[in-house]
């Protein structure tokens, strides 16, 4: 069951990346919408990753 879920997540991630590239080349409106959602999800993931390091006291 976990393999099925991870496979679905992988397919969604690859599909999102394809839409980002296609939108950069001037794809249809729905591709640009999927691209925007994919980029926003990436920014959220990056933000949550860096916010966990705030209390570490390391060099920035």
Protein backbone atom coordinates (compact mmCIF):
# COMPACT_ATOMS: atom_id res chain seq x y z
CA UNK A 1 0.00 0.00 0.00
CA UNK A 2 2.84 2.39 0.84
CA UNK A 3 4.46 1.67 -2.53
CA UNK A 4 1.23 2.62 -4.27
CA UNK A 5 1.00 5.91 -2.38
CA UNK A 6 4.65 6.76 -3.04
CA UNK A 7 4.21 5.88 -6.72
CA UNK A 8 1.25 8.27 -6.90
CA UNK A 9 3.27 11.05 -5.27
CA UNK A 10 6.11 10.41 -7.71
CA UNK A 11 3.76 10.59 -10.70
CA UNK A 12 2.31 13.87 -9.43
CA UNK A 13 5.77 15.35 -8.89
CA UNK A 14 7.00 14.35 -12.34
CA UNK A 15 3.79 15.63 -13.92
CA UNK A 16 4.20 18.94 -12.11
CA UNK A 17 7.76 19.29 -13.33
CA UNK A 18 6.66 18.58 -16.89
CA UNK A 19 4.00 21.26 -16.59
CA UNK A 20 6.55 23.80 -15.30
CA UNK A 21 8.77 23.21 -18.33
CA UNK A 22 5.82 23.24 -20.73
CA UNK A 23 4.46 26.47 -19.20
CA UNK A 24 7.87 28.11 -19.60
CA UNK A 25 7.57 27.38 -23.32
CA UNK A 26 4.09 28.91 -23.51
CA UNK A 27 1.70 26.06 -22.88
CA UNK A 28 -2.07 26.29 -22.51
CA UNK A 29 -3.78 27.96 -19.58
CA UNK A 30 -4.35 24.77 -17.58
CA UNK A 31 -0.63 23.94 -17.81
CA UNK A 32 0.25 27.36 -16.44
CA UNK A 33 -2.21 26.80 -13.56
CA UNK A 34 -0.69 23.40 -12.71
CA UNK A 35 2.76 24.97 -12.98
CA UNK A 36 1.84 27.73 -10.54
CA UNK A 37 0.50 25.18 -8.05
CA UNK A 38 3.66 23.08 -8.41
CA UNK A 39 5.96 26.07 -7.87
CA UNK A 40 3.91 27.23 -4.87
CA UNK A 41 4.10 23.76 -3.31
CA UNK A 42 7.86 23.78 -3.83
CA UNK A 43 8.16 27.16 -2.13
CA UNK A 44 6.06 25.93 0.80
CA UNK A 45 8.22 22.83 1.12
CA UNK A 46 11.37 24.91 1.01
CA UNK A 47 9.98 27.36 3.58
CA UNK A 48 8.97 24.65 6.01
CA UNK A 49 12.36 23.03 5.66
CA UNK A 50 14.28 26.21 6.48
CA UNK A 51 11.95 27.25 9.31
CA UNK A 52 12.90 24.09 11.19
CA UNK A 53 16.52 25.22 11.27
CA UNK A 54 15.94 28.61 12.94
CA UNK A 55 16.71 27.40 16.43
CA UNK A 56 19.87 25.50 15.49
CA UNK A 57 22.23 28.46 15.98
CA UNK A 58 24.31 27.56 12.92
CA UNK A 59 25.92 29.92 10.44
CA UNK A 60 23.53 31.52 7.93
